[in-house]
PDB file of N, CA and C in Angstrom:
ATOM      1  N   MET A   1       5.484 -15.366   6.094  1.00  0.00           N
ATOM      2  CA  MET A   1       4.857 -14.178   5.515  1.00  0.00           C
ATOM      3  C   MET A   1       5.199 -12.965   6.375  1.00  0.00           C
ATOM      4  N   ALA A   2       5.479 -11.863   5.751  1.00  0.00           N
ATOM      5  CA  ALA A   2       5.790 -10.623   6.459  1.00  0.00           C
ATOM      6  C   ALA A   2       4.557 -10.092   7.164  1.00  0.00           C
ATOM      7  N   ASP A   3       4.765  -9.316   8.221  1.00  0.00           N
ATOM      8  CA  ASP A   3       3.606  -8.810   8.932  1.00  0.00           C
ATOM      9  C   ASP A   3       3.082  -7.496   8.378  1.00  0.00           C
ATOM     10  N   TRP A   4       3.558  -7.026   7.242  1.00  0.00           N
ATOM     11  CA  TRP A   4       3.004  -5.818   6.623  1.00  0.00           C
ATOM     12  C   TRP A   4       1.908  -6.154   5.615  1.00  0.00           C
ATOM     13  N   PHE A   5       1.642  -7.448   5.419  1.00  0.00           N
ATOM     14  CA  PHE A   5       0.489  -7.856   4.605  1.00  0.00           C
ATOM     15  C   PHE A   5      -0.061  -9.171   5.138  1.00  0.00           C
ATOM     16  N   ARG A   6      -1.339  -9.395   4.852  1.00  0.00           N
ATOM     17  CA  ARG A   6      -2.007 -10.623   5.298  1.00  0.00           C
ATOM     18  C   ARG A   6      -2.867 -11.178   4.174  1.00  0.00           C
ATOM     19  N   SER A   7      -2.987 -12.499   4.146  1.00  0.00           N
ATOM     20  CA  SER A   7      -3.857 -13.158   3.172  1.00  0.00           C
ATOM     21  C   SER A   7      -5.309 -13.052   3.620  1.00  0.00           C
ATOM     22  N   THR A   8      -6.197 -12.911   2.641  1.00  0.00           N
ATOM     23  CA  THR A   8      -7.636 -12.937   2.900  1.00  0.00           C
ATOM     24  C   THR A   8      -8.266 -13.888   1.881  1.00  0.00           C
ATOM     25  N   ASP A   9      -9.566 -14.106   2.003  1.00  0.00           N
ATOM     26  CA  ASP A   9     -10.262 -14.959   1.044  1.00  0.00           C
ATOM     27  C   ASP A   9     -10.264 -14.356  -0.360  1.00  0.00           C
ATOM     28  N   GLN A  10     -10.236 -13.029  -0.453  1.00  0.00           N
ATOM     29  CA  GLN A  10     -10.301 -12.347  -1.749  1.00  0.00           C
ATOM     30  C   GLN A  10      -8.947 -11.898  -2.280  1.00  0.00           C
ATOM     31  N   GLY A  11      -7.877 -12.016  -1.498  1.00  0.00           N
ATOM     32  CA  GLY A  11      -6.566 -11.553  -1.943  1.00  0.00           C
ATOM     33  C   GLY A  11      -5.659 -11.247  -0.772  1.00  0.00           C
ATOM     34  N   LEU A  12      -5.244  -9.976  -0.641  1.00  0.00           N
ATOM     35  CA  LEU A  12      -4.348  -9.566   0.431  1.00  0.00           C
ATOM     36  C   LEU A  12      -4.825  -8.267   1.068  1.00  0.00           C
ATOM     37  N   THR A  13      -4.403  -8.056   2.299  1.00  0.00           N
ATOM     38  CA  THR A  13      -4.559  -6.779   2.977  1.00  0.00           C
ATOM     39  C   THR A  13      -3.157  -6.233   3.194  1.00  0.00           C
ATOM     40  N   LEU A  14      -2.920  -4.987   2.766  1.00  0.00           N
ATOM     41  CA  LEU A  14      -1.609  -4.350   2.907  1.00  0.00           C
ATOM     42  C   LEU A  14      -1.681  -3.263   3.970  1.00  0.00           C
ATOM     43  N   PHE A  15      -0.621  -3.166   4.776  1.00  0.00           N
ATOM     44  CA  PHE A  15      -0.509  -2.112   5.778  1.00  0.00           C
ATOM     45  C   PHE A  15       0.566  -1.145   5.304  1.00  0.00           C
ATOM     46  N   LEU A  16       0.198   0.113   5.153  1.00  0.00           N
ATOM     47  CA  LEU A  16       1.055   1.112   4.529  1.00  0.00           C
ATOM     48  C   LEU A  16       1.314   2.295   5.447  1.00  0.00           C
ATOM     49  N   ARG A  17       2.469   2.920   5.271  1.00  0.00           N
ATOM     50  CA  ARG A  17       2.753   4.217   5.873  1.00  0.00           C
ATOM     51  C   ARG A  17       3.058   5.139   4.709  1.00  0.00           C
ATOM     52  N   VAL A  18       2.234   6.168   4.549  1.00  0.00           N
ATOM     53  CA  VAL A  18       2.311   7.042   3.380  1.00  0.00           C
ATOM     54  C   VAL A  18       2.793   8.430   3.777  1.00  0.00           C
ATOM     55  N   THR A  19       3.735   8.961   3.003  1.00  0.00           N
ATOM     56  CA  THR A  19       4.180  10.334   3.162  1.00  0.00           C
ATOM     57  C   THR A  19       3.745  11.105   1.923  1.00  0.00           C
ATOM     58  N   PRO A  20       2.769  12.003   2.073  1.00  0.00           N
ATOM     59  CA  PRO A  20       2.351  12.833   0.938  1.00  0.00           C
ATOM     60  C   PRO A  20       3.292  14.020   0.758  1.00  0.00           C
ATOM     61  N   ASN A  21       3.107  14.753  -0.320  1.00  0.00           N
ATOM     62  CA  ASN A  21       3.895  15.967  -0.587  1.00  0.00           C
ATOM     63  C   ASN A  21       5.384  15.671  -0.726  1.00  0.00           C
ATOM     64  N   ALA A  22       5.723  14.483  -1.170  1.00  0.00           N
ATOM     65  CA  ALA A  22       7.120  14.076  -1.330  1.00  0.00           C
ATOM     66  C   ALA A  22       7.652  14.592  -2.672  1.00  0.00           C
ATOM     67  N   PRO A  23       8.959  14.653  -2.829  1.00  0.00           N
ATOM     68  CA  PRO A  23       9.513  15.110  -4.105  1.00  0.00           C
ATOM     69  C   PRO A  23       9.279  14.152  -5.276  1.00  0.00           C
ATOM     70  N   ARG A  24       8.989  12.862  -4.956  1.00  0.00           N
ATOM     71  CA  ARG A  24       8.750  11.873  -6.016  1.00  0.00           C
ATOM     72  C   ARG A  24       7.872  10.760  -5.468  1.00  0.00           C
ATOM     73  N   ASP A  25       7.233  10.016  -6.365  1.00  0.00           N
ATOM     74  CA  ASP A  25       6.475   8.827  -5.984  1.00  0.00           C
ATOM     75  C   ASP A  25       7.459   7.671  -5.851  1.00  0.00           C
ATOM     76  N   ALA A  26       7.381   6.948  -4.734  1.00  0.00           N
ATOM     77  CA  ALA A  26       8.328   5.850  -4.541  1.00  0.00           C
ATOM     78  C   ALA A  26       7.804   4.844  -3.526  1.00  0.00           C
ATOM     79  N   VAL A  27       8.179   3.584  -3.766  1.00  0.00           N
ATOM     80  CA  VAL A  27       7.983   2.523  -2.787  1.00  0.00           C
ATOM     81  C   VAL A  27       9.342   2.365  -2.109  1.00  0.00           C
ATOM     82  N   GLU A  28       9.399   2.590  -0.793  1.00  0.00           N
ATOM     83  CA  GLU A  28      10.689   2.613  -0.104  1.00  0.00           C
ATOM     84  C   GLU A  28      10.980   1.374   0.715  1.00  0.00           C
ATOM     85  N   GLY A  29      10.134   0.370   0.643  1.00  0.00           N
ATOM     86  CA  GLY A  29      10.388  -0.863   1.373  1.00  0.00           C
ATOM     87  C   GLY A  29       9.648  -0.911   2.692  1.00  0.00           C
ATOM     88  N   VAL A  30       9.917  -1.949   3.443  1.00  0.00           N
ATOM     89  CA  VAL A  30       9.207  -2.200   4.696  1.00  0.00           C
ATOM     90  C   VAL A  30       9.949  -1.531   5.841  1.00  0.00           C
ATOM     91  N   GLU A  31       9.181  -0.903   6.737  1.00  0.00           N
ATOM     92  CA  GLU A  31       9.770  -0.332   7.942  1.00  0.00           C
ATOM     93  C   GLU A  31       9.099  -0.967   9.153  1.00  0.00           C
ATOM     94  N   THR A  32       9.886  -1.181  10.197  1.00  0.00           N
ATOM     95  CA  THR A  32       9.341  -1.662  11.460  1.00  0.00           C
ATOM     96  C   THR A  32       9.132  -0.454  12.353  1.00  0.00           C
ATOM     97  N   ARG A  33       7.922  -0.311  12.841  1.00  0.00           N
ATOM     98  CA  ARG A  33       7.561   0.847  13.649  1.00  0.00           C
ATOM     99  C   ARG A  33       7.966   0.625  15.099  1.00  0.00           C
ATOM    100  N   ASP A  34       7.911   1.678  15.904  1.00  0.00           N
ATOM    101  CA  ASP A  34       8.292   1.608  17.315  1.00  0.00           C
ATOM    102  C   ASP A  34       7.481   0.597  18.101  1.00  0.00           C
ATOM    103  N   ASP A  35       6.221   0.384  17.690  1.00  0.00           N
ATOM    104  CA  ASP A  35       5.370  -0.565  18.411  1.00  0.00           C
ATOM    105  C   ASP A  35       5.563  -2.008  17.943  1.00  0.00           C
ATOM    106  N   GLY A  36       6.521  -2.233  17.032  1.00  0.00           N
ATOM    107  CA  GLY A  36       6.821  -3.578  16.560  1.00  0.00           C
ATOM    108  C   GLY A  36       6.070  -3.998  15.313  1.00  0.00           C
ATOM    109  N   THR A  37       5.093  -3.206  14.872  1.00  0.00           N
ATOM    110  CA  THR A  37       4.366  -3.543  13.655  1.00  0.00           C
ATOM    111  C   THR A  37       5.193  -3.129  12.442  1.00  0.00           C
ATOM    112  N   ALA A  38       4.852  -3.692  11.310  1.00  0.00           N
ATOM    113  CA  ALA A  38       5.559  -3.375  10.071  1.00  0.00           C
ATOM    114  C   ALA A  38       4.582  -2.767   9.072  1.00  0.00           C
ATOM    115  N   ALA A  39       5.103  -1.912   8.207  1.00  0.00           N
ATOM    116  CA  ALA A  39       4.291  -1.282   7.162  1.00  0.00           C
ATOM    117  C   ALA A  39       5.174  -1.027   5.949  1.00  0.00           C
ATOM    118  N   LEU A  40       4.569  -1.102   4.776  1.00  0.00           N
ATOM    119  CA  LEU A  40       5.267  -0.757   3.548  1.00  0.00           C
ATOM    120  C   LEU A  40       5.259   0.761   3.442  1.00  0.00           C
ATOM    121  N   ARG A  41       6.422   1.353   3.312  1.00  0.00           N
ATOM    122  CA  ARG A  41       6.538   2.805   3.279  1.00  0.00           C
ATOM    123  C   ARG A  41       6.438   3.299   1.834  1.00  0.00           C
ATOM    124  N   LEU A  42       5.511   4.237   1.608  1.00  0.00           N
ATOM    125  CA  LEU A  42       5.312   4.838   0.296  1.00  0.00           C
ATOM    126  C   LEU A  42       5.450   6.349   0.399  1.00  0.00           C
ATOM    127  N   ARG A  43       5.939   6.960  -0.657  1.00  0.00           N
ATOM    128  CA  ARG A  43       5.974   8.420  -0.773  1.00  0.00           C
ATOM    129  C   ARG A  43       5.236   8.788  -2.059  1.00  0.00           C
ATOM    130  N   VAL A  44       4.376   9.804  -1.962  1.00  0.00           N
ATOM    131  CA  VAL A  44       3.663  10.282  -3.151  1.00  0.00           C
ATOM    132  C   VAL A  44       3.797  11.792  -3.255  1.00  0.00           C
ATOM    133  N   LYS A  45       3.866  12.273  -4.494  1.00  0.00           N
ATOM    134  CA  LYS A  45       3.992  13.711  -4.737  1.00  0.00           C
ATOM    135  C   LYS A  45       2.709  14.464  -4.417  1.00  0.00           C
ATOM    136  N   ALA A  46       1.589  13.800  -4.511  1.00  0.00           N
ATOM    137  CA  ALA A  46       0.284  14.441  -4.342  1.00  0.00           C
ATOM    138  C   ALA A  46       0.102  14.985  -2.927  1.00  0.00           C
ATOM    139  N   VAL A  47      -0.690  16.043  -2.846  1.00  0.00           N
ATOM    140  CA  VAL A  47      -1.012  16.643  -1.550  1.00  0.00           C
ATOM    141  C   VAL A  47      -2.196  15.910  -0.923  1.00  0.00           C
ATOM    142  N   PRO A  48      -2.267  15.907   0.415  1.00  0.00           N
ATOM    143  CA  PRO A  48      -3.384  15.225   1.072  1.00  0.00           C
ATOM    144  C   PRO A  48      -4.627  16.117   1.095  1.00  0.00           C
ATOM    145  N   ASP A  49      -5.185  16.363  -0.081  1.00  0.00           N
ATOM    146  CA  ASP A  49      -6.336  17.251  -0.208  1.00  0.00           C
ATOM    147  C   ASP A  49      -7.358  16.605  -1.129  1.00  0.00           C
ATOM    148  N   LYS A  50      -8.576  16.437  -0.635  1.00  0.00           N
ATOM    149  CA  LYS A  50      -9.694  15.912  -1.424  1.00  0.00           C
ATOM    150  C   LYS A  50      -9.380  14.571  -2.088  1.00  0.00           C
ATOM    151  N   GLY A  51      -8.628  13.717  -1.390  1.00  0.00           N
ATOM    152  CA  GLY A  51      -8.356  12.377  -1.888  1.00  0.00           C
ATOM    153  C   GLY A  51      -7.248  12.268  -2.914  1.00  0.00           C
ATOM    154  N   LYS A  52      -6.537  13.354  -3.195  1.00  0.00           N
ATOM    155  CA  LYS A  52      -5.479  13.297  -4.209  1.00  0.00           C
ATOM    156  C   LYS A  52      -4.346  12.356  -3.809  1.00  0.00           C
ATOM    157  N   ALA A  53      -3.923  12.404  -2.548  1.00  0.00           N
ATOM    158  CA  ALA A  53      -2.843  11.519  -2.098  1.00  0.00           C
ATOM    159  C   ALA A  53      -3.299  10.064  -2.114  1.00  0.00           C
ATOM    160  N   ASN A  54      -4.546   9.814  -1.720  1.00  0.00           N
ATOM    161  CA  ASN A  54      -5.056   8.436  -1.748  1.00  0.00           C
ATOM    162  C   ASN A  54      -5.100   7.895  -3.166  1.00  0.00           C
ATOM    163  N   ALA A  55      -5.513   8.718  -4.113  1.00  0.00           N
ATOM    164  CA  ALA A  55      -5.526   8.294  -5.522  1.00  0.00           C
ATOM    165  C   ALA A  55      -4.110   8.004  -5.996  1.00  0.00           C
ATOM    166  N   ALA A  56      -3.154   8.810  -5.548  1.00  0.00           N
ATOM    167  CA  ALA A  56      -1.756   8.591  -5.927  1.00  0.00           C
ATOM    168  C   ALA A  56      -1.219   7.302  -5.317  1.00  0.00           C
ATOM    169  N   VAL A  57      -1.646   6.972  -4.103  1.00  0.00           N
ATOM    170  CA  VAL A  57      -1.236   5.719  -3.463  1.00  0.00           C
ATOM    171  C   VAL A  57      -1.727   4.530  -4.285  1.00  0.00           C
ATOM    172  N   ILE A  58      -2.987   4.562  -4.672  1.00  0.00           N
ATOM    173  CA  ILE A  58      -3.554   3.465  -5.471  1.00  0.00           C
ATOM    174  C   ILE A  58      -2.826   3.360  -6.809  1.00  0.00           C
ATOM    175  N   ALA A  59      -2.573   4.488  -7.452  1.00  0.00           N
ATOM    176  CA  ALA A  59      -1.868   4.478  -8.740  1.00  0.00           C
ATOM    177  C   ALA A  59      -0.456   3.916  -8.588  1.00  0.00           C
ATOM    178  N   LEU A  60       0.240   4.312  -7.530  1.00  0.00           N
ATOM    179  CA  LEU A  60       1.600   3.821  -7.293  1.00  0.00           C
ATOM    180  C   LEU A  60       1.598   2.314  -7.032  1.00  0.00           C
ATOM    181  N   LEU A  61       0.690   1.845  -6.194  1.00  0.00           N
ATOM    182  CA  LEU A  61       0.606   0.408  -5.930  1.00  0.00           C
ATOM    183  C   LEU A  61       0.242  -0.375  -7.185  1.00  0.00           C
ATOM    184  N   ALA A  62      -0.700   0.134  -7.952  1.00  0.00           N
ATOM    185  CA  ALA A  62      -1.111  -0.547  -9.189  1.00  0.00           C
ATOM    186  C   ALA A  62       0.064  -0.677 -10.153  1.00  0.00           C
ATOM    187  N   ARG A  63       0.814   0.412 -10.287  1.00  0.00           N
ATOM    188  CA  ARG A  63       1.983   0.405 -11.176  1.00  0.00           C
ATOM    189  C   ARG A  63       3.052  -0.558 -10.650  1.00  0.00           C
ATOM    190  N   ALA A  64       3.317  -0.521  -9.347  1.00  0.00           N
ATOM    191  CA  ALA A  64       4.373  -1.352  -8.762  1.00  0.00           C
ATOM    192  C   ALA A  64       4.037  -2.836  -8.805  1.00  0.00           C
ATOM    193  N   LEU A  65       2.753  -3.162  -8.668  1.00  0.00           N
ATOM    194  CA  LEU A  65       2.346  -4.570  -8.650  1.00  0.00           C
ATOM    195  C   LEU A  65       1.856  -5.075 -10.010  1.00  0.00           C
ATOM    196  N   GLY A  66       1.739  -4.185 -10.986  1.00  0.00           N
ATOM    197  CA  GLY A  66       1.283  -4.589 -12.312  1.00  0.00           C
ATOM    198  C   GLY A  66      -0.167  -5.031 -12.340  1.00  0.00           C
ATOM    199  N   LEU A  67      -1.011  -4.329 -11.582  1.00  0.00           N
ATOM    200  CA  LEU A  67      -2.431  -4.657 -11.492  1.00  0.00           C
ATOM    201  C   LEU A  67      -3.272  -3.436 -11.840  1.00  0.00           C
ATOM    202  N   PRO A  68      -4.522  -3.641 -12.264  1.00  0.00           N
ATOM    203  CA  PRO A  68      -5.411  -2.501 -12.499  1.00  0.00           C
ATOM    204  C   PRO A  68      -5.783  -1.825 -11.176  1.00  0.00           C
ATOM    205  N   LYS A  69      -6.026  -0.522 -11.223  1.00  0.00           N
ATOM    206  CA  LYS A  69      -6.398   0.233 -10.023  1.00  0.00           C
ATOM    207  C   LYS A  69      -7.681  -0.305  -9.391  1.00  0.00           C
ATOM    208  N   SER A  70      -8.536  -0.925 -10.187  1.00  0.00           N
ATOM    209  CA  SER A  70      -9.801  -1.444  -9.672  1.00  0.00           C
ATOM    210  C   SER A  70      -9.613  -2.599  -8.683  1.00  0.00           C
ATOM    211  N   HIS A  71      -8.411  -3.155  -8.585  1.00  0.00           N
ATOM    212  CA  HIS A  71      -8.133  -4.250  -7.651  1.00  0.00           C
ATOM    213  C   HIS A  71      -7.824  -3.753  -6.242  1.00  0.00           C
ATOM    214  N   PHE A  72      -7.785  -2.441  -6.035  1.00  0.00           N
ATOM    215  CA  PHE A  72      -7.388  -1.863  -4.753  1.00  0.00           C
ATOM    216  C   PHE A  72      -8.544  -1.096  -4.132  1.00  0.00           C
ATOM    217  N   ALA A  73      -8.658  -1.191  -2.809  1.00  0.00           N
ATOM    218  CA  ALA A  73      -9.677  -0.432  -2.075  1.00  0.00           C
ATOM    219  C   ALA A  73      -9.172  -0.155  -0.668  1.00  0.00           C
ATOM    220  N   PHE A  74      -9.444   1.042  -0.173  1.00  0.00           N
ATOM    221  CA  PHE A  74      -9.064   1.386   1.200  1.00  0.00           C
ATOM    222  C   PHE A  74     -10.003   0.705   2.181  1.00  0.00           C
ATOM    223  N   ILE A  75      -9.428   0.106   3.202  1.00  0.00           N
ATOM    224  CA  ILE A  75     -10.194  -0.493   4.289  1.00  0.00           C
ATOM    225  C   ILE A  75     -10.216   0.478   5.468  1.00  0.00           C
ATOM    226  N   ALA A  76      -9.073   1.113   5.723  1.00  0.00           N
ATOM    227  CA  ALA A  76      -8.957   2.033   6.859  1.00  0.00           C
ATOM    228  C   ALA A  76      -7.865   3.057   6.578  1.00  0.00           C
ATOM    229  N   GLY A  77      -7.954   4.195   7.258  1.00  0.00           N
ATOM    230  CA  GLY A  77      -6.887   5.184   7.210  1.00  0.00           C
ATOM    231  C   GLY A  77      -6.921   6.153   6.058  1.00  0.00           C
ATOM    232  N   GLU A  78      -8.077   6.397   5.485  1.00  0.00           N
ATOM    233  CA  GLU A  78      -8.122   7.305   4.342  1.00  0.00           C
ATOM    234  C   GLU A  78      -7.663   8.719   4.687  1.00  0.00           C
ATOM    235  N   THR A  79      -7.771   9.115   5.955  1.00  0.00           N
ATOM    236  CA  THR A  79      -7.325  10.456   6.353  1.00  0.00           C
ATOM    237  C   THR A  79      -6.082  10.396   7.242  1.00  0.00           C
ATOM    238  N   SER A  80      -5.400   9.267   7.249  1.00  0.00           N
ATOM    239  CA  SER A  80      -4.236   9.059   8.097  1.00  0.00           C
ATOM    240  C   SER A  80      -3.030   8.673   7.243  1.00  0.00           C
ATOM    241  N   ARG A  81      -1.849   8.816   7.811  1.00  0.00           N
ATOM    242  CA  ARG A  81      -0.653   8.331   7.114  1.00  0.00           C
ATOM    243  C   ARG A  81      -0.579   6.810   7.135  1.00  0.00           C
ATOM    244  N   MET A  82      -1.140   6.202   8.167  1.00  0.00           N
ATOM    245  CA  MET A  82      -1.186   4.738   8.267  1.00  0.00           C
ATOM    246  C   MET A  82      -2.465   4.266   7.583  1.00  0.00           C
ATOM    247  N   LYS A  83      -2.316   3.496   6.521  1.00  0.00           N
ATOM    248  CA  LYS A  83      -3.454   3.073   5.716  1.00  0.00           C
ATOM    249  C   LYS A  83      -3.492   1.552   5.600  1.00  0.00           C
ATOM    250  N   THR A  84      -4.697   1.037   5.446  1.00  0.00           N
ATOM    251  CA  THR A  84      -4.894  -0.387   5.194  1.00  0.00           C
ATOM    252  C   THR A  84      -5.633  -0.500   3.872  1.00  0.00           C
ATOM    253  N   VAL A  85      -5.062  -1.281   2.959  1.00  0.00           N
ATOM    254  CA  VAL A  85      -5.601  -1.401   1.603  1.00  0.00           C
ATOM    255  C   VAL A  85      -5.846  -2.871   1.287  1.00  0.00           C
ATOM    256  N   ALA A  86      -7.011  -3.161   0.715  1.00  0.00           N
ATOM    257  CA  ALA A  86      -7.328  -4.510   0.240  1.00  0.00           C
ATOM    258  C   ALA A  86      -6.944  -4.614  -1.226  1.00  0.00           C
ATOM    259  N   VAL A  87      -6.339  -5.740  -1.585  1.00  0.00           N
ATOM    260  CA  VAL A  87      -5.985  -6.025  -2.974  1.00  0.00           C
ATOM    261  C   VAL A  87      -6.678  -7.329  -3.344  1.00  0.00           C
ATOM    262  N   THR A  88      -7.517  -7.287  -4.363  1.00  0.00           N
ATOM    263  CA  THR A  88      -8.226  -8.495  -4.771  1.00  0.00           C
ATOM    264  C   THR A  88      -7.463  -9.217  -5.871  1.00  0.00           C
ATOM    265  N   GLY A  89      -7.543 -10.530  -5.839  1.00  0.00           N
ATOM    266  CA  GLY A  89      -6.876 -11.349  -6.838  1.00  0.00           C
ATOM    267  C   GLY A  89      -6.455 -12.675  -6.235  1.00  0.00           C
ATOM    268  N   ASP A  90      -5.708 -13.450  -7.003  1.00  0.00           N
ATOM    269  CA  ASP A  90      -5.201 -14.732  -6.555  1.00  0.00           C
ATOM    270  C   ASP A  90      -4.160 -14.515  -5.463  1.00  0.00           C
ATOM    271  N   THR A  91      -4.389 -15.099  -4.290  1.00  0.00           N
ATOM    272  CA  THR A  91      -3.530 -14.854  -3.129  1.00  0.00           C
ATOM    273  C   THR A  91      -2.081 -15.244  -3.383  1.00  0.00           C
ATOM    274  N   ASP A  92      -1.841 -16.369  -4.018  1.00  0.00           N
ATOM    275  CA  ASP A  92      -0.467 -16.812  -4.269  1.00  0.00           C
ATOM    276  C   ASP A  92       0.259 -15.869  -5.228  1.00  0.00           C
ATOM    277  N   ASP A  93      -0.420 -15.459  -6.281  1.00  0.00           N
ATOM    278  CA  ASP A  93       0.167 -14.522  -7.239  1.00  0.00           C
ATOM    279  C   ASP A  93       0.447 -13.174  -6.576  1.00  0.00           C
ATOM    280  N   LEU A  94      -0.525 -12.674  -5.824  1.00  0.00           N
ATOM    281  CA  LEU A  94      -0.345 -11.393  -5.146  1.00  0.00           C
ATOM    282  C   LEU A  94       0.777 -11.451  -4.121  1.00  0.00           C
ATOM    283  N   THR A  95       0.862 -12.551  -3.397  1.00  0.00           N
ATOM    284  CA  THR A  95       1.931 -12.689  -2.397  1.00  0.00           C
ATOM    285  C   THR A  95       3.306 -12.598  -3.049  1.00  0.00           C
ATOM    286  N   ALA A  96       3.476 -13.264  -4.177  1.00  0.00           N
ATOM    287  CA  ALA A  96       4.755 -13.200  -4.889  1.00  0.00           C
ATOM    288  C   ALA A  96       5.064 -11.769  -5.330  1.00  0.00           C
ATOM    289  N   ARG A  97       4.039 -11.057  -5.775  1.00  0.00           N
ATOM    290  CA  ARG A  97       4.247  -9.672  -6.235  1.00  0.00           C
ATOM    291  C   ARG A  97       4.609  -8.741  -5.083  1.00  0.00           C
ATOM    292  N   VAL A  98       3.919  -8.857  -3.943  1.00  0.00           N
ATOM    293  CA  VAL A  98       4.183  -7.929  -2.844  1.00  0.00           C
ATOM    294  C   VAL A  98       5.492  -8.259  -2.125  1.00  0.00           C
ATOM    295  N   VAL A  99       5.879  -9.511  -2.074  1.00  0.00           N
ATOM    296  CA  VAL A  99       7.165  -9.867  -1.465  1.00  0.00           C
ATOM    297  C   VAL A  99       8.299  -9.177  -2.207  1.00  0.00           C
ATOM    298  N   ALA A 100       8.171  -9.039  -3.521  1.00  0.00           N
ATOM    299  CA  ALA A 100       9.195  -8.361  -4.310  1.00  0.00           C
ATOM    300  C   ALA A 100       9.302  -6.872  -3.961  1.00  0.00           C
ATOM    301  N   LEU A 101       8.220  -6.275  -3.454  1.00  0.00           N
ATOM    302  CA  LEU A 101       8.252  -4.857  -3.065  1.00  0.00           C
ATOM    303  C   LEU A 101       9.007  -4.640  -1.757  1.00  0.00           C
ATOM    304  N   GLY A 102       8.847  -5.569  -0.826  1.00  0.00           N
ATOM    305  CA  GLY A 102       9.403  -5.387   0.505  1.00  0.00           C
ATOM    306  C   GLY A 102      10.790  -5.877   0.587  1.00  0.00           C
TER     307      GLY A 102
END
């Protein structure tokens, strides 16, 4: 399993690096950071104002994984570029979906 996501009892935890104010919404794959950790890199057009970028992150992930937005929740990093998101659902199904993103 990649280190940019982890299995939980309810589904998966995803580690993301988000760039707001981008020219387009995109999932750019996994990046390894200087400290050795990995994160799925996302770009969203929305500005980081009043939760707009966070809403765009959830919408982008929902679209990319083919899941309803209600399956996603922020665990940490709502005001940071580094975010942790919980995804609820069947762990095996979710793992197959997120591996295809990275």
